[in-house]
Amino acid sequence: MTITWPGPPPRRRLSWQYGLWVAVVLAIVWFASQSGPPVEDAPSPVVPAHPAAEFEVDRVIDGDTLKLKNHARVRLIGVNAPESVKPDWPVEPFGPEASAFTHRFVDGHVVRLEFDRERTDQYGRWLAHVWVGDKLLNEELVRAGLARWEPHYQYAQAFKTRYRKAEAEARAAKRGIWSLRENEKRSTRNDE
């Protein structure tokens, strides 16, 4: 036996609680769509168009890499510090010391990034010369014997000359990586 309504089913009045519930759900959906991706998945901010800018450092990743408060990662151009946090890679001699040096250099300071011809690397990190006041982190890291100068990046000859001279000074004094036996026979580069 089938029971049928004599007409369309009666319409219920929506309660104000139901309307409020729908409004809250819609507001949550809207706010969630406005927040963007999670911070770790967010793309690196665009490199500033001007040649120099000041930034706050969030943390030091290793001796030659910083993370800024705007979530950009910065790789010191023209230098290469021993690895200390690279996944699936052993901690290299003087890697922790290079990281500690960079921590001491930038902690509590606003850094000025000076960009050159090559502004990003293959990982999307900004490439920059990093200044704290009138001191150049890239150069001081090399002078301390905690990084090698790298001539292959596209950056100004004046900086290449500074980094090469700082490395020669560290070598002569047998500082840091230059105190290791395997580096004694490494020839002085005349790349640039």
Protein backbone atom coordinates (compact mmCIF):
# COMPACT_ATOMS: atom_id res chain seq x y z
CA MET A 1 0.00 0.00 0.00
CA THR A 2 1.43 3.39 -1.03
CA ILE A 3 0.66 6.62 0.74
CA THR A 4 0.85 9.79 -1.30
CA TRP A 5 0.69 13.39 -0.21
CA PRO A 6 -2.25 15.30 -1.48
CA GLY A 7 0.14 17.93 -2.87
CA PRO A 8 3.73 19.01 -2.57
CA PRO A 9 5.35 18.19 0.80
CA PRO A 10 4.91 20.88 3.42
CA ARG A 11 7.80 23.35 3.58
CA ARG A 12 9.50 23.71 6.88
CA ARG A 13 10.73 27.03 7.99
CA LEU A 14 14.48 27.10 8.36
CA SER A 15 15.45 27.89 11.88
CA TRP A 16 17.87 30.74 12.56
CA GLN A 17 20.35 28.22 14.04
CA TYR A 18 20.55 26.39 10.72
CA GLY A 19 21.18 29.67 8.88
CA LEU A 20 23.87 30.60 11.36
CA TRP A 21 25.53 27.21 10.94
CA VAL A 22 25.60 27.61 7.13
CA ALA A 23 27.07 31.13 7.49
CA VAL A 24 29.84 29.86 9.80
CA VAL A 25 30.76 27.03 7.41
CA LEU A 26 30.88 29.42 4.46
CA ALA A 27 33.04 31.86 6.43
CA ILE A 28 35.50 29.08 7.35
CA VAL A 29 35.73 27.94 3.72
CA TRP A 30 36.31 31.52 2.56
CA PHE A 31 39.04 32.22 5.17
CA ALA A 32 40.78 28.93 4.39
CA SER A 33 40.88 29.81 0.70
CA GLN A 34 42.47 33.21 1.48
CA SER A 35 45.35 31.93 3.65
CA GLY A 36 47.38 30.35 0.81
CA PRO A 37 49.64 27.32 1.06
CA PRO A 38 51.27 26.28 4.33
CA VAL A 39 54.46 28.23 5.14
CA GLU A 40 56.83 25.32 4.37
CA ASP A 41 55.21 24.78 0.94
CA ALA A 42 55.06 28.47 0.08
CA PRO A 43 57.16 29.46 -2.91
CA SER A 44 60.20 31.61 -2.22
CA PRO A 45 59.42 35.32 -2.43
CA VAL A 46 60.43 37.13 -5.59
CA VAL A 47 63.98 38.49 -5.58
CA PRO A 48 63.87 42.27 -5.17
CA ALA A 49 64.44 44.17 -8.42
CA HIS A 50 66.80 46.68 -6.80
CA PRO A 51 70.46 45.71 -6.30
CA ALA A 52 70.43 45.84 -2.47
CA ALA A 53 67.84 45.48 0.28
CA GLU A 54 67.73 44.95 4.06
CA PHE A 55 66.15 41.88 5.66
CA GLU A 56 65.75 40.15 9.02
CA VAL A 57 67.25 36.67 9.32
CA ASP A 58 64.91 33.98 10.64
CA ARG A 59 67.63 31.35 11.05
CA VAL A 60 70.97 30.11 9.79
CA ILE A 61 70.59 26.86 7.85
CA ASP A 62 74.33 26.23 7.51
CA GLY A 63 77.51 28.20 6.97
CA ASP A 64 76.57 29.56 3.55
CA THR A 65 72.75 29.51 3.62
CA LEU A 66 70.25 31.69 5.52
CA LYS A 67 66.48 31.72 5.83
CA LEU A 68 64.91 35.17 6.05
CA LYS A 69 61.80 36.16 7.99
CA ASN A 70 59.99 36.57 4.63
CA HIS A 71 60.68 32.80 4.07
CA ALA A 72 63.26 33.36 1.32
CA ARG A 73 66.37 31.19 1.43
CA VAL A 74 69.63 32.96 0.67
CA ARG A 75 72.81 31.27 -0.57
CA LEU A 76 75.99 33.29 -0.14
CA ILE A 77 77.21 33.88 -3.68
CA GLY A 78 80.84 33.16 -4.48
CA VAL A 79 81.65 30.97 -1.48
CA ASN A 80 81.14 27.34 -0.48
CA ALA A 81 81.20 26.30 3.18
CA PRO A 82 81.59 22.67 4.31
CA GLU A 83 78.29 20.80 4.62
CA SER A 84 76.70 20.42 8.04
CA VAL A 85 73.01 19.67 7.39
CA LYS A 86 72.76 18.30 3.83
CA PRO A 87 70.44 15.24 3.78
CA ASP A 88 72.19 11.92 3.10
CA TRP A 89 75.58 13.61 3.31
CA PRO A 90 78.14 13.35 6.10
CA VAL A 91 78.95 16.39 8.19
CA GLU A 92 82.15 17.73 6.67
CA PRO A 93 85.14 19.00 8.68
CA PHE A 94 84.58 22.59 9.80
CA GLY A 95 80.90 22.48 8.70
CA PRO A 96 79.57 23.05 12.25
CA GLU A 97 82.19 25.77 12.80
CA ALA A 98 81.12 27.54 9.60
CA SER A 99 77.48 27.43 10.77
CA ALA A 100 78.44 28.79 14.20
CA PHE A 101 80.49 31.58 12.59
CA THR A 102 77.53 32.61 10.43
CA HIS A 103 75.21 32.49 13.49
CA ARG A 104 77.50 34.83 15.42
CA PHE A 105 77.88 37.12 12.41
CA VAL A 106 74.15 37.64 11.72
CA ASP A 107 72.44 37.06 15.10
CA GLY A 108 70.59 40.15 16.27
CA HIS A 109 71.42 42.12 13.12
CA VAL A 110 69.53 43.23 10.06
CA VAL A 111 71.43 42.06 6.99
CA ARG A 112 71.80 43.89 3.72
CA LEU A 113 71.70 41.66 0.67
CA GLU A 114 73.55 42.86 -2.37
CA PHE A 115 72.46 41.08 -5.53
CA ASP A 116 74.58 40.57 -8.61
CA ARG A 117 74.04 39.34 -12.17
CA GLU A 118 73.03 35.81 -11.14
CA ARG A 119 70.18 36.24 -8.63
CA THR A 120 68.92 32.69 -7.97
CA ASP A 121 70.39 29.20 -8.07
CA GLN A 122 68.88 25.96 -9.40
CA TYR A 123 67.05 25.45 -6.07
CA GLY A 124 65.32 28.84 -6.14
CA ARG A 125 67.52 30.29 -3.40
CA TRP A 126 68.51 33.92 -3.68
CA LEU A 127 72.21 34.44 -4.42
CA ALA A 128 73.61 37.44 -2.57
CA HIS A 129 76.57 39.12 -0.94
CA VAL A 130 75.50 39.48 2.72
CA TRP A 131 76.51 42.59 4.65
CA VAL A 132 76.19 43.34 8.35
CA GLY A 133 77.15 46.96 8.70
CA ASP A 134 80.38 47.36 6.73
CA LYS A 135 81.42 43.70 7.13
CA LEU A 136 80.84 41.24 4.27
CA LEU A 137 79.86 37.78 5.57
CA ASN A 138 80.94 35.98 2.39
CA GLU A 139 84.45 37.43 2.63
CA GLU A 140 84.84 36.98 6.40
CA LEU A 141 83.75 33.33 6.18
CA VAL A 142 86.47 32.69 3.57
CA ARG A 143 89.06 34.71 5.54
CA ALA A 144 88.33 32.57 8.64
CA GLY A 145 89.10 29.45 6.60
CA LEU A 146 85.51 28.24 6.89
CA ALA A 147 84.65 28.41 3.17
CA ARG A 148 86.30 28.35 -0.24
CA TRP A 149 85.76 31.05 -2.81
CA GLU A 150 83.84 29.89 -5.89
CA PRO A 151 84.60 31.74 -9.13
CA HIS A 152 82.03 30.01 -11.36
CA TYR A 153 78.98 32.08 -10.38
CA GLN A 154 78.18 35.18 -12.43
CA TYR A 155 79.12 38.00 -10.08
CA ALA A 156 81.27 41.10 -10.16
CA GLN A 157 85.03 40.78 -10.59
CA ALA A 158 85.60 43.08 -7.62
CA PHE A 159 83.95 40.52 -5.31
CA LYS A 160 85.84 37.64 -6.94
CA THR A 161 89.09 39.48 -6.21
CA ARG A 162 88.07 40.08 -2.56
CA TYR A 163 87.13 36.42 -2.02
CA ARG A 164 90.27 35.12 -3.75
CA LYS A 165 92.49 37.36 -1.57
CA ALA A 166 90.63 36.29 1.59
CA GLU A 167 91.19 32.63 0.67
CA ALA A 168 94.90 33.24 0.03
CA GLU A 169 95.16 34.86 3.48
CA ALA A 170 93.40 31.89 5.15
CA ARG A 171 95.60 29.39 3.27
CA ALA A 172 98.80 31.18 4.27
CA ALA A 173 97.72 31.20 7.92
CA LYS A 174 96.44 27.58 7.69
CA ARG A 175 93.07 28.59 9.14
CA GLY A 176 90.08 26.26 9.28
CA ILE A 177 89.80 23.98 6.25
CA TRP A 178 93.33 24.98 5.20
CA SER A 179 94.71 23.34 8.35
CA LEU A 180 93.59 19.94 7.03
CA ARG A 181 96.25 17.76 5.42
CA GLU A 182 94.14 16.99 2.30
CA ASN A 183 93.98 20.72 1.47
CA GLU A 184 97.75 21.33 1.73
CA LYS A 185 98.39 19.99 -1.78
CA ARG A 186 95.40 21.67 -3.38
CA SER A 187 96.78 24.14 -5.88
CA THR A 188 95.90 27.81 -5.80
CA ARG A 189 93.24 28.51 -8.41
CA ASN A 190 93.74 31.02 -11.17
CA ASP A 191 90.17 30.66 -12.46
CA GLU A 192 89.37 34.32 -12.46
